[in-house]
Amino acid sequence: MDAIAAVFDLEGFTTFCKQIDPHLSVPIYLSRFLDWLIDQLKKHTIRQHHREGSRLWHPLPFFLKYMGDGLLVLWDCEEMKPVHVRNVILHLARICSLYQTELLKTLNGLVADAPPTLRCGVARGVVYSVGDDSDYVGSCINMAARIQKLPGLVFAFNRRGVDLDEEDASEFFKTRIKVQKVAIRGIGENELICVRLKDLESMNPADRKLYREP
């Protein structure tokens, strides 16, 4: 199945779990975080409500898997148009930004030192079901997981399978995204990924050296 894989990861979650009596804080945080994230995935999918139902920006994800400090989300994109693929990516980028501006503010009086950043890597490729559709494997899942761990990035996506050249591509892809060449462990030395300009501009010099012009 041709799919889009997104891997969310909470930066600083391990340190957060090492605080005194974590059993009193971590469950509260995770409950709020997961409820919020799933609600955001639904909210950003709906374009307009109608009496007969809802018009969507793109299909809903078909698989979600909790992974301890993050979430794997898969979309079936076999029948997606290029604009729908871009819409998925755009909404994932917005969710990463909203984590800091929206969710963290509601946690100030509940937990101390909540993970400060929600990271996300996205890739497109073929996935295969295992265990009677209870789980999925595929190179795009591995790619998305590796991308979200790249230094200095909050959000990025693999260049493969994403049409950035159409005239109706939004300003996000035309002015806020830059294609970079980077080494990804276990995959390749010259992988093309699309990163946010603001991530490149804010990263430290040592991390910036890892990213090259294609």
N, C-alpha and C. Protein backbone atom coordinates (compact mmCIF):
# COMPACT_ATOMS: atom_id res chain seq x y z
N MET A 1 0.84 -1.19 0.00
CA MET A 1 0.00 0.00 0.00
C MET A 1 0.88 1.25 0.00
N ASP A 2 0.58 2.18 -0.90
CA ASP A 2 1.27 3.47 -0.91
C ASP A 2 0.76 4.31 0.24
N ALA A 3 1.65 4.77 1.09
CA ALA A 3 1.20 5.45 2.31
C ALA A 3 2.11 6.63 2.66
N ILE A 4 1.55 7.53 3.44
CA ILE A 4 2.32 8.60 4.08
C ILE A 4 2.48 8.22 5.55
N ALA A 5 3.71 8.23 6.01
CA ALA A 5 4.00 7.91 7.41
C ALA A 5 4.49 9.17 8.13
N ALA A 6 3.91 9.43 9.28
CA ALA A 6 4.36 10.53 10.13
C ALA A 6 4.73 9.96 11.49
N VAL A 7 5.91 10.30 11.95
CA VAL A 7 6.36 9.87 13.27
C VAL A 7 6.53 11.12 14.15
N PHE A 8 5.70 11.23 15.18
CA PHE A 8 5.81 12.31 16.15
C PHE A 8 6.70 11.87 17.30
N ASP A 9 7.46 12.79 17.83
CA ASP A 9 8.35 12.49 18.95
C ASP A 9 8.41 13.70 19.87
N LEU A 10 8.43 13.44 21.17
CA LEU A 10 8.48 14.51 22.16
C LEU A 10 9.93 14.73 22.61
N GLU A 11 10.48 15.86 22.23
CA GLU A 11 11.84 16.18 22.64
C GLU A 11 11.89 16.43 24.15
N GLY A 12 12.81 15.77 24.83
CA GLY A 12 12.94 15.95 26.26
C GLY A 12 12.05 15.05 27.09
N PHE A 13 11.38 14.08 26.45
CA PHE A 13 10.45 13.23 27.19
C PHE A 13 11.18 12.34 28.19
N THR A 14 12.35 11.82 27.84
CA THR A 14 13.11 10.97 28.75
C THR A 14 13.49 11.73 30.01
N THR A 15 13.96 12.95 29.86
CA THR A 15 14.30 13.78 31.02
C THR A 15 13.07 14.08 31.85
N PHE A 16 11.95 14.35 31.19
CA PHE A 16 10.70 14.61 31.88
C PHE A 16 10.30 13.42 32.75
N CYS A 17 10.54 12.22 32.25
CA CYS A 17 10.16 11.00 32.99
C CYS A 17 11.08 10.73 34.18
N LYS A 18 12.23 11.42 34.27
CA LYS A 18 13.18 11.18 35.36
C LYS A 18 12.95 12.10 36.56
N GLN A 19 11.92 12.92 36.50
CA GLN A 19 11.65 13.82 37.62
C GLN A 19 11.19 13.01 38.83
N ILE A 20 11.15 13.64 39.98
CA ILE A 20 10.73 12.97 41.20
C ILE A 20 9.28 12.51 41.07
N ASP A 21 9.01 11.28 41.50
CA ASP A 21 7.67 10.69 41.44
C ASP A 21 7.00 10.88 40.08
N PRO A 22 7.61 10.36 39.03
CA PRO A 22 7.05 10.55 37.68
C PRO A 22 5.66 9.97 37.50
N HIS A 23 5.30 8.99 38.32
CA HIS A 23 3.97 8.37 38.18
C HIS A 23 2.85 9.35 38.51
N LEU A 24 3.21 10.49 39.15
CA LEU A 24 2.20 11.49 39.47
C LEU A 24 2.05 12.54 38.37
N SER A 25 3.03 12.61 37.47
CA SER A 25 2.99 13.64 36.43
C SER A 25 2.90 13.09 35.01
N VAL A 26 3.64 12.02 34.73
CA VAL A 26 3.72 11.52 33.36
C VAL A 26 2.36 11.06 32.83
N PRO A 27 1.57 10.30 33.59
CA PRO A 27 0.25 9.90 33.05
C PRO A 27 -0.66 11.08 32.74
N ILE A 28 -0.60 12.11 33.60
CA ILE A 28 -1.42 13.31 33.36
C ILE A 28 -1.01 13.97 32.05
N TYR A 29 0.30 14.11 31.89
CA TYR A 29 0.80 14.74 30.66
C TYR A 29 0.44 13.93 29.43
N LEU A 30 0.71 12.62 29.45
CA LEU A 30 0.45 11.79 28.28
C LEU A 30 -1.02 11.77 27.91
N SER A 31 -1.89 11.74 28.91
CA SER A 31 -3.33 11.76 28.63
C SER A 31 -3.71 13.03 27.90
N ARG A 32 -3.23 14.18 28.41
CA ARG A 32 -3.54 15.46 27.76
C ARG A 32 -2.93 15.52 26.36
N PHE A 33 -1.67 15.09 26.26
CA PHE A 33 -0.98 15.18 24.98
C PHE A 33 -1.65 14.32 23.91
N LEU A 34 -1.93 13.06 24.22
CA LEU A 34 -2.51 12.16 23.22
C LEU A 34 -3.92 12.59 22.82
N ASP A 35 -4.72 13.02 23.80
CA ASP A 35 -6.06 13.52 23.47
C ASP A 35 -5.96 14.73 22.55
N TRP A 36 -5.04 15.62 22.87
CA TRP A 36 -4.87 16.83 22.06
C TRP A 36 -4.38 16.50 20.66
N LEU A 37 -3.40 15.62 20.55
CA LEU A 37 -2.83 15.29 19.24
C LEU A 37 -3.86 14.62 18.34
N ILE A 38 -4.60 13.67 18.87
CA ILE A 38 -5.62 12.99 18.06
C ILE A 38 -6.72 13.97 17.66
N ASP A 39 -7.08 14.88 18.57
CA ASP A 39 -8.07 15.89 18.23
C ASP A 39 -7.57 16.81 17.13
N GLN A 40 -6.28 17.16 17.17
CA GLN A 40 -5.71 18.01 16.13
C GLN A 40 -5.69 17.31 14.77
N LEU A 41 -5.37 16.01 14.77
CA LEU A 41 -5.38 15.26 13.51
C LEU A 41 -6.77 15.27 12.89
N LYS A 42 -7.81 15.15 13.70
CA LYS A 42 -9.18 15.19 13.18
C LYS A 42 -9.55 16.61 12.77
N LYS A 43 -9.22 17.57 13.61
CA LYS A 43 -9.61 18.96 13.37
C LYS A 43 -9.02 19.49 12.07
N HIS A 44 -7.75 19.18 11.81
CA HIS A 44 -7.11 19.71 10.61
C HIS A 44 -7.49 18.95 9.35
N THR A 45 -8.13 17.81 9.50
CA THR A 45 -8.59 17.07 8.33
C THR A 45 -9.89 17.64 7.78
N ILE A 46 -10.74 18.18 8.66
CA ILE A 46 -12.06 18.68 8.25
C ILE A 46 -11.95 20.07 7.64
N ARG A 47 -12.41 20.19 6.42
CA ARG A 47 -12.40 21.48 5.72
C ARG A 47 -13.66 22.27 5.99
N GLN A 48 -14.82 21.57 5.96
CA GLN A 48 -16.10 22.25 6.16
C GLN A 48 -17.15 21.24 6.60
N HIS A 49 -17.95 21.64 7.59
CA HIS A 49 -19.04 20.78 8.06
C HIS A 49 -20.30 21.04 7.23
N HIS A 50 -21.03 19.98 6.92
CA HIS A 50 -22.30 20.07 6.23
C HIS A 50 -23.33 19.25 7.01
N ARG A 51 -24.59 19.49 6.72
CA ARG A 51 -25.64 18.72 7.38
C ARG A 51 -25.50 17.23 7.07
N GLU A 52 -25.07 16.90 5.85
CA GLU A 52 -24.96 15.51 5.44
C GLU A 52 -23.65 14.87 5.89
N GLY A 53 -22.69 15.67 6.35
CA GLY A 53 -21.39 15.15 6.74
C GLY A 53 -20.34 16.25 6.71
N SER A 54 -19.11 15.88 6.43
CA SER A 54 -18.02 16.86 6.43
C SER A 54 -17.20 16.73 5.15
N ARG A 55 -16.74 17.85 4.65
CA ARG A 55 -15.81 17.88 3.52
C ARG A 55 -14.39 17.92 4.08
N LEU A 56 -13.52 17.07 3.56
CA LEU A 56 -12.19 16.93 4.13
C LEU A 56 -11.13 17.56 3.22
N TRP A 57 -10.01 17.96 3.85
CA TRP A 57 -8.86 18.43 3.10
C TRP A 57 -8.10 17.27 2.48
N HIS A 58 -8.18 16.12 3.12
CA HIS A 58 -7.50 14.91 2.68
C HIS A 58 -8.11 13.75 3.45
N PRO A 59 -7.89 12.50 3.04
CA PRO A 59 -8.46 11.37 3.78
C PRO A 59 -7.96 11.32 5.22
N LEU A 60 -8.75 10.71 6.08
CA LEU A 60 -8.35 10.51 7.46
C LEU A 60 -7.25 9.45 7.53
N PRO A 61 -6.39 9.50 8.54
CA PRO A 61 -5.41 8.42 8.71
C PRO A 61 -6.13 7.11 9.01
N PHE A 62 -5.51 6.00 8.61
CA PHE A 62 -6.14 4.70 8.84
C PHE A 62 -5.47 3.92 9.97
N PHE A 63 -4.34 4.44 10.48
CA PHE A 63 -3.62 3.69 11.51
C PHE A 63 -2.88 4.66 12.43
N LEU A 64 -3.02 4.45 13.74
CA LEU A 64 -2.28 5.20 14.75
C LEU A 64 -1.70 4.21 15.74
N LYS A 65 -0.46 4.43 16.11
CA LYS A 65 0.22 3.54 17.06
C LYS A 65 1.00 4.35 18.06
N TYR A 66 0.69 4.17 19.33
CA TYR A 66 1.41 4.84 20.40
C TYR A 66 2.74 4.14 20.61
N MET A 67 3.83 4.92 20.70
CA MET A 67 5.17 4.34 20.78
C MET A 67 5.95 4.79 22.00
N GLY A 68 5.29 5.05 23.11
CA GLY A 68 5.98 5.41 24.34
C GLY A 68 6.14 6.91 24.51
N ASP A 69 6.85 7.56 23.61
CA ASP A 69 7.02 9.01 23.71
C ASP A 69 6.57 9.71 22.43
N GLY A 70 5.78 9.02 21.65
CA GLY A 70 5.31 9.62 20.40
C GLY A 70 4.24 8.78 19.75
N LEU A 71 4.06 9.01 18.47
CA LEU A 71 2.95 8.39 17.77
C LEU A 71 3.32 8.16 16.31
N LEU A 72 2.96 7.00 15.78
CA LEU A 72 3.06 6.72 14.35
C LEU A 72 1.67 6.87 13.75
N VAL A 73 1.58 7.63 12.66
CA VAL A 73 0.31 7.84 11.98
C VAL A 73 0.51 7.52 10.50
N LEU A 74 -0.43 6.77 9.91
CA LEU A 74 -0.35 6.39 8.51
C LEU A 74 -1.60 6.82 7.75
N TRP A 75 -1.39 7.32 6.54
CA TRP A 75 -2.47 7.65 5.61
C TRP A 75 -2.33 6.80 4.35
N ASP A 76 -3.42 6.29 3.84
CA ASP A 76 -3.45 5.61 2.55
C ASP A 76 -3.47 6.68 1.46
N CYS A 77 -2.42 6.73 0.65
CA CYS A 77 -2.38 7.80 -0.36
C CYS A 77 -2.39 7.25 -1.78
N GLU A 78 -2.86 6.01 -1.95
CA GLU A 78 -2.89 5.41 -3.29
C GLU A 78 -3.78 6.19 -4.24
N GLU A 79 -4.85 6.80 -3.73
CA GLU A 79 -5.75 7.57 -4.58
C GLU A 79 -5.70 9.07 -4.28
N MET A 80 -4.73 9.49 -3.51
CA MET A 80 -4.58 10.91 -3.20
C MET A 80 -4.04 11.68 -4.40
N LYS A 81 -4.57 12.86 -4.62
CA LYS A 81 -3.98 13.78 -5.59
C LYS A 81 -2.80 14.49 -4.93
N PRO A 82 -1.89 15.07 -5.72
CA PRO A 82 -0.75 15.78 -5.14
C PRO A 82 -1.13 16.83 -4.11
N VAL A 83 -2.26 17.53 -4.34
CA VAL A 83 -2.68 18.57 -3.41
C VAL A 83 -3.06 17.96 -2.06
N HIS A 84 -3.64 16.76 -2.07
CA HIS A 84 -4.01 16.12 -0.81
C HIS A 84 -2.78 15.70 -0.02
N VAL A 85 -1.75 15.23 -0.74
CA VAL A 85 -0.50 14.88 -0.07
C VAL A 85 0.11 16.12 0.59
N ARG A 86 0.10 17.22 -0.14
CA ARG A 86 0.65 18.46 0.43
C ARG A 86 -0.18 18.92 1.62
N ASN A 87 -1.50 18.75 1.56
CA ASN A 87 -2.35 19.16 2.68
C ASN A 87 -2.01 18.38 3.95
N VAL A 88 -1.76 17.08 3.81
CA VAL A 88 -1.36 16.28 4.97
C VAL A 88 -0.10 16.87 5.60
N ILE A 89 0.89 17.13 4.76
CA ILE A 89 2.17 17.65 5.24
C ILE A 89 2.00 19.02 5.89
N LEU A 90 1.25 19.89 5.25
CA LEU A 90 1.02 21.22 5.79
C LEU A 90 0.37 21.16 7.17
N HIS A 91 -0.62 20.31 7.33
CA HIS A 91 -1.32 20.23 8.61
C HIS A 91 -0.45 19.62 9.70
N LEU A 92 0.43 18.69 9.34
CA LEU A 92 1.35 18.14 10.33
C LEU A 92 2.32 19.21 10.82
N ALA A 93 2.78 20.06 9.91
CA ALA A 93 3.67 21.15 10.31
C ALA A 93 2.96 22.12 11.26
N ARG A 94 1.70 22.39 10.99
CA ARG A 94 0.93 23.29 11.85
C ARG A 94 0.75 22.69 13.24
N ILE A 95 0.52 21.39 13.30
CA ILE A 95 0.33 20.73 14.60
C ILE A 95 1.59 20.86 15.45
N CYS A 96 2.76 20.71 14.83
CA CYS A 96 4.02 20.87 15.58
C CYS A 96 4.13 22.27 16.17
N SER A 97 3.74 23.27 15.41
CA SER A 97 3.79 24.64 15.91
C SER A 97 2.76 24.88 17.01
N LEU A 98 1.57 24.32 16.85
CA LEU A 98 0.51 24.52 17.83
C LEU A 98 0.82 23.84 19.16
N TYR A 99 1.64 22.82 19.16
CA TYR A 99 2.02 22.19 20.42
C TYR A 99 2.62 23.22 21.38
N GLN A 100 3.51 24.06 20.85
CA GLN A 100 4.16 25.06 21.70
C GLN A 100 3.24 26.23 22.03
N THR A 101 2.47 26.67 21.07
CA THR A 101 1.66 27.87 21.27
C THR A 101 0.32 27.58 21.92
N GLU A 102 -0.13 26.32 21.87
CA GLU A 102 -1.46 26.00 22.38
C GLU A 102 -1.42 25.03 23.55
N LEU A 103 -0.93 23.82 23.34
CA LEU A 103 -1.01 22.79 24.39
C LEU A 103 -0.15 23.11 25.60
N LEU A 104 1.09 23.54 25.38
CA LEU A 104 1.98 23.77 26.52
C LEU A 104 1.41 24.79 27.51
N LYS A 105 0.69 25.77 26.99
CA LYS A 105 0.12 26.79 27.87
C LYS A 105 -0.90 26.20 28.83
N THR A 106 -1.59 25.16 28.42
CA THR A 106 -2.61 24.54 29.29
C THR A 106 -1.99 23.62 30.33
N LEU A 107 -0.70 23.35 30.20
CA LEU A 107 -0.03 22.41 31.11
C LEU A 107 0.77 23.10 32.20
N ASN A 108 0.88 24.42 32.13
CA ASN A 108 1.73 25.15 33.07
C ASN A 108 1.38 24.90 34.53
N GLY A 109 0.11 24.77 34.85
CA GLY A 109 -0.30 24.56 36.23
C GLY A 109 -0.51 23.12 36.61
N LEU A 110 -0.17 22.20 35.67
CA LEU A 110 -0.41 20.78 35.91
C LEU A 110 0.87 19.98 36.13
N VAL A 111 1.87 20.20 35.28
CA VAL A 111 3.12 19.44 35.38
C VAL A 111 4.30 20.40 35.24
N ALA A 112 5.43 19.97 35.79
CA ALA A 112 6.65 20.79 35.71
C ALA A 112 7.53 20.31 34.56
N ASP A 113 8.07 21.27 33.82
CA ASP A 113 9.05 20.98 32.76
C ASP A 113 8.54 19.96 31.75
N ALA A 114 7.36 20.20 31.20
CA ALA A 114 6.83 19.33 30.16
C ALA A 114 7.74 19.38 28.94
N PRO A 115 7.80 18.32 28.13
CA PRO A 115 8.62 18.33 26.92
C PRO A 115 8.35 19.59 26.10
N PRO A 116 9.39 20.35 25.77
CA PRO A 116 9.18 21.67 25.15
C PRO A 116 8.84 21.67 23.68
N THR A 117 9.12 20.56 22.99
CA THR A 117 8.98 20.56 21.53
C THR A 117 8.38 19.25 21.04
N LEU A 118 7.44 19.36 20.10
CA LEU A 118 6.91 18.20 19.40
C LEU A 118 7.56 18.16 18.03
N ARG A 119 8.31 17.09 17.77
CA ARG A 119 9.01 16.93 16.51
C ARG A 119 8.22 15.97 15.61
N CYS A 120 8.41 16.12 14.29
CA CYS A 120 7.70 15.23 13.37
C CYS A 120 8.51 15.04 12.10
N GLY A 121 8.65 13.78 11.70
CA GLY A 121 9.26 13.43 10.43
C GLY A 121 8.22 12.75 9.56
N VAL A 122 8.24 13.04 8.26
CA VAL A 122 7.22 12.53 7.35
C VAL A 122 7.90 11.94 6.12
N ALA A 123 7.37 10.81 5.65
CA ALA A 123 7.90 10.19 4.43
C ALA A 123 6.78 9.42 3.73
N ARG A 124 6.94 9.27 2.42
CA ARG A 124 5.97 8.52 1.63
C ARG A 124 6.63 7.26 1.08
N GLY A 125 5.88 6.15 1.04
CA GLY A 125 6.42 4.91 0.51
C GLY A 125 5.43 3.78 0.68
N VAL A 126 5.90 2.56 0.48
CA VAL A 126 5.05 1.38 0.57
C VAL A 126 5.10 0.81 1.98
N VAL A 127 3.93 0.47 2.54
CA VAL A 127 3.87 -0.20 3.84
C VAL A 127 3.18 -1.55 3.68
N TYR A 128 3.51 -2.47 4.57
CA TYR A 128 2.95 -3.81 4.54
C TYR A 128 2.34 -4.12 5.91
N SER A 129 1.16 -4.71 5.90
CA SER A 129 0.50 -5.06 7.15
C SER A 129 1.09 -6.32 7.73
N VAL A 130 1.17 -6.39 9.04
CA VAL A 130 1.62 -7.58 9.75
C VAL A 130 0.65 -7.85 10.89
N GLY A 131 0.52 -9.11 11.27
CA GLY A 131 -0.37 -9.43 12.39
C GLY A 131 -1.81 -9.09 12.14
N ASP A 132 -2.34 -9.46 10.96
CA ASP A 132 -3.74 -9.19 10.64
C ASP A 132 -4.08 -7.71 10.78
N ASP A 133 -3.24 -6.87 10.20
CA ASP A 133 -3.42 -5.41 10.19
C ASP A 133 -3.28 -4.77 11.57
N SER A 134 -2.69 -5.49 12.53
CA SER A 134 -2.48 -4.90 13.85
C SER A 134 -1.25 -4.01 13.88
N ASP A 135 -0.41 -4.10 12.85
CA ASP A 135 0.77 -3.27 12.77
C ASP A 135 1.20 -3.17 11.31
N TYR A 136 2.12 -2.24 11.03
CA TYR A 136 2.60 -2.04 9.68
C TYR A 136 4.11 -1.82 9.69
N VAL A 137 4.75 -2.26 8.62
CA VAL A 137 6.18 -2.04 8.44
C VAL A 137 6.40 -1.46 7.06
N GLY A 138 7.54 -0.80 6.88
CA GLY A 138 7.85 -0.23 5.58
C GLY A 138 8.99 0.75 5.70
N SER A 139 9.71 0.95 4.59
CA SER A 139 10.87 1.83 4.61
C SER A 139 10.49 3.28 4.92
N CYS A 140 9.26 3.69 4.54
CA CYS A 140 8.87 5.07 4.80
C CYS A 140 8.69 5.33 6.30
N ILE A 141 8.30 4.31 7.05
CA ILE A 141 8.17 4.46 8.50
C ILE A 141 9.55 4.66 9.10
N ASN A 142 10.50 3.86 8.64
CA ASN A 142 11.88 4.00 9.10
C ASN A 142 12.44 5.37 8.72
N MET A 143 12.15 5.80 7.50
CA MET A 143 12.62 7.11 7.04
C MET A 143 12.04 8.23 7.89
N ALA A 144 10.74 8.19 8.15
CA ALA A 144 10.11 9.24 8.96
C ALA A 144 10.70 9.29 10.36
N ALA A 145 10.95 8.11 10.94
CA ALA A 145 11.53 8.06 12.28
C ALA A 145 12.94 8.65 12.29
N ARG A 146 13.72 8.36 11.25
CA ARG A 146 15.09 8.89 11.19
C ARG A 146 15.09 10.40 10.95
N ILE A 147 14.16 10.87 10.12
CA ILE A 147 14.10 12.31 9.83
C ILE A 147 13.80 13.11 11.09
N GLN A 148 12.84 12.63 11.92
CA GLN A 148 12.47 13.41 13.10
C GLN A 148 13.58 13.44 14.14
N LYS A 149 14.59 12.60 13.99
CA LYS A 149 15.72 12.62 14.92
C LYS A 149 16.89 13.46 14.42
N LEU A 150 16.79 14.02 13.22
CA LEU A 150 17.89 14.83 12.68
C LEU A 150 18.10 16.07 13.55
N PRO A 151 19.34 16.43 13.83
CA PRO A 151 19.63 17.56 14.72
C PRO A 151 19.08 18.89 14.20
N GLY A 152 18.53 19.66 15.10
CA GLY A 152 18.12 21.02 14.80
C GLY A 152 16.77 21.18 14.14
N LEU A 153 16.10 20.08 13.79
CA LEU A 153 14.84 20.18 13.07
C LEU A 153 13.65 19.91 13.98
N VAL A 154 12.56 20.64 13.76
CA VAL A 154 11.30 20.37 14.43
C VAL A 154 10.38 19.61 13.48
N PHE A 155 10.37 20.01 12.21
CA PHE A 155 9.52 19.37 11.22
C PHE A 155 10.26 19.25 9.90
N ALA A 156 10.17 18.08 9.26
CA ALA A 156 10.77 17.89 7.95
C ALA A 156 10.11 16.70 7.27
N PHE A 157 10.22 16.66 5.94
CA PHE A 157 9.65 15.53 5.20
C PHE A 157 10.56 15.14 4.05
N ASN A 158 10.50 13.86 3.70
CA ASN A 158 11.29 13.34 2.60
C ASN A 158 10.79 13.89 1.28
N ARG A 159 11.71 14.18 0.36
CA ARG A 159 11.34 14.79 -0.92
C ARG A 159 10.61 13.82 -1.85
N ARG A 160 10.84 12.52 -1.69
CA ARG A 160 10.24 11.54 -2.59
C ARG A 160 8.71 11.55 -2.50
N GLY A 161 8.07 11.56 -3.66
CA GLY A 161 6.62 11.40 -3.70
C GLY A 161 5.82 12.63 -3.35
N VAL A 162 6.47 13.78 -3.24
CA VAL A 162 5.77 15.02 -2.92
C VAL A 162 6.00 16.02 -4.04
N ASP A 163 4.92 16.42 -4.71
CA ASP A 163 5.01 17.36 -5.83
C ASP A 163 4.99 18.78 -5.29
N LEU A 164 6.14 19.43 -5.37
CA LEU A 164 6.26 20.80 -4.87
C LEU A 164 6.17 21.84 -5.98
N ASP A 165 6.08 21.39 -7.22
CA ASP A 165 6.19 22.31 -8.36
C ASP A 165 4.87 22.74 -8.96
N GLU A 166 3.76 22.19 -8.48
CA GLU A 166 2.47 22.61 -9.04
C GLU A 166 2.18 24.07 -8.71
N GLU A 167 1.50 24.75 -9.63
CA GLU A 167 1.22 26.17 -9.45
C GLU A 167 0.34 26.45 -8.24
N ASP A 168 -0.54 25.50 -7.89
CA ASP A 168 -1.45 25.75 -6.78
C ASP A 168 -0.88 25.33 -5.42
N ALA A 169 0.41 24.99 -5.38
CA ALA A 169 1.03 24.68 -4.10
C ALA A 169 0.98 25.92 -3.22
N SER A 170 0.70 25.74 -1.94
CA SER A 170 0.52 26.87 -1.03
C SER A 170 1.85 27.59 -0.78
N GLU A 171 1.76 28.77 -0.21
CA GLU A 171 2.94 29.57 0.09
C GLU A 171 3.89 28.85 1.05
N PHE A 172 3.36 27.98 1.88
CA PHE A 172 4.20 27.22 2.79
C PHE A 172 5.29 26.48 2.03
N PHE A 173 4.93 25.87 0.91
CA PHE A 173 5.89 25.09 0.14
C PHE A 173 6.75 25.96 -0.77
N LYS A 174 6.24 27.12 -1.15
CA LYS A 174 6.98 27.99 -2.05
C LYS A 174 7.98 28.88 -1.34
N THR A 175 7.67 29.30 -0.10
CA THR A 175 8.52 30.29 0.56
C THR A 175 9.05 29.87 1.94
N ARG A 176 8.51 28.83 2.53
CA ARG A 176 8.93 28.48 3.88
C ARG A 176 9.64 27.14 3.99
N ILE A 177 9.81 26.49 2.84
CA ILE A 177 10.44 25.18 2.80
C ILE A 177 11.69 25.23 1.93
N LYS A 178 12.73 24.54 2.35
CA LYS A 178 13.97 24.48 1.57
C LYS A 178 14.41 23.03 1.46
N VAL A 179 14.75 22.61 0.24
CA VAL A 179 15.25 21.25 0.02
C VAL A 179 16.72 21.20 0.39
N GLN A 180 17.08 20.21 1.19
CA GLN A 180 18.47 20.05 1.64
C GLN A 180 18.92 18.61 1.45
N LYS A 181 20.21 18.45 1.28
CA LYS A 181 20.82 17.13 1.19
C LYS A 181 21.45 16.80 2.54
N VAL A 182 21.21 15.59 3.05
CA VAL A 182 21.70 15.23 4.38
C VAL A 182 21.96 13.73 4.45
N ALA A 183 22.89 13.34 5.30
CA ALA A 183 23.14 11.92 5.53
C ALA A 183 22.15 11.40 6.57
N ILE A 184 21.48 10.30 6.26
CA ILE A 184 20.55 9.68 7.19
C ILE A 184 21.06 8.28 7.51
N ARG A 185 21.32 8.06 8.76
CA ARG A 185 21.95 6.81 9.20
C ARG A 185 21.16 5.59 8.73
N GLY A 186 21.88 4.66 8.11
CA GLY A 186 21.26 3.42 7.66
C GLY A 186 20.46 3.52 6.39
N ILE A 187 20.38 4.72 5.80
CA ILE A 187 19.57 4.90 4.59
C ILE A 187 20.41 5.43 3.44
N GLY A 188 21.09 6.55 3.61
CA GLY A 188 21.90 7.10 2.53
C GLY A 188 22.63 8.35 2.97
N GLU A 189 23.69 8.68 2.23
CA GLU A 189 24.52 9.83 2.56
C GLU A 189 24.02 11.12 1.93
N ASN A 190 23.16 11.01 0.92
CA ASN A 190 22.73 12.20 0.18
C ASN A 190 21.22 12.21 -0.01
N GLU A 191 20.50 11.99 1.08
CA GLU A 191 19.04 11.99 1.02
C GLU A 191 18.52 13.42 0.90
N LEU A 192 17.48 13.60 0.09
CA LEU A 192 16.86 14.91 -0.05
C LEU A 192 15.67 15.02 0.90
N ILE A 193 15.72 16.01 1.76
CA ILE A 193 14.60 16.27 2.66
C ILE A 193 14.20 17.73 2.54
N CYS A 194 12.97 18.01 2.90
CA CYS A 194 12.43 19.37 2.87
C CYS A 194 12.28 19.85 4.30
N VAL A 195 12.95 20.94 4.61
CA VAL A 195 12.97 21.45 5.99
C VAL A 195 12.42 22.87 6.02
N ARG A 196 11.96 23.26 7.20
CA ARG A 196 11.44 24.61 7.36
C ARG A 196 12.60 25.60 7.42
N LEU A 197 12.47 26.71 6.73
CA LEU A 197 13.52 27.73 6.75
C LEU A 197 13.79 28.21 8.18
N LYS A 198 12.74 28.33 8.98
CA LYS A 198 12.95 28.84 10.34
C LYS A 198 13.74 27.86 11.19
N ASP A 199 13.66 26.56 10.89
CA ASP A 199 14.50 25.59 11.60
C ASP A 199 15.96 25.76 11.20
N LEU A 200 16.21 25.94 9.91
CA LEU A 200 17.58 26.14 9.45
C LEU A 200 18.18 27.41 10.02
N GLU A 201 17.39 28.46 10.08
CA GLU A 201 17.89 29.75 10.55
C GLU A 201 18.16 29.78 12.04
N SER A 202 17.48 28.92 12.80
CA SER A 202 17.62 28.96 14.26
C SER A 202 18.60 27.91 14.80
N MET A 203 19.03 26.97 13.97
CA MET A 203 19.90 25.91 14.49
C MET A 203 21.33 26.41 14.69
N ASN A 204 22.06 25.72 15.56
CA ASN A 204 23.43 26.14 15.85
C ASN A 204 24.34 25.80 14.67
N PRO A 205 25.51 26.45 14.58
CA PRO A 205 26.41 26.26 13.43
C PRO A 205 26.84 24.82 13.21
N ALA A 206 27.06 24.07 14.29
CA ALA A 206 27.50 22.68 14.14
C ALA A 206 26.43 21.84 13.45
N ASP A 207 25.16 22.03 13.83
CA ASP A 207 24.08 21.29 13.20
C ASP A 207 23.88 21.76 11.76
N ARG A 208 24.04 23.06 11.52
CA ARG A 208 23.80 23.59 10.18
C ARG A 208 24.76 22.99 9.16
N LYS A 209 25.94 22.61 9.57
CA LYS A 209 26.91 22.03 8.65
C LYS A 209 26.48 20.66 8.11
N LEU A 210 25.51 20.03 8.78
CA LEU A 210 25.06 18.72 8.34
C LEU A 210 24.18 18.79 7.09
N TYR A 211 23.63 19.98 6.83
CA TYR A 211 22.68 20.16 5.74
C TYR A 211 23.35 20.91 4.59
N ARG A 212 23.17 20.37 3.36
CA ARG A 212 23.86 20.91 2.20
C ARG A 212 22.88 21.23 1.08
N GLU A 213 23.27 22.13 0.23
CA GLU A 213 22.45 22.46 -0.94
C GLU A 213 22.46 21.28 -1.90
N PRO A 214 21.31 20.94 -2.50
CA PRO A 214 21.28 19.79 -3.43
C PRO A 214 21.99 20.10 -4.74
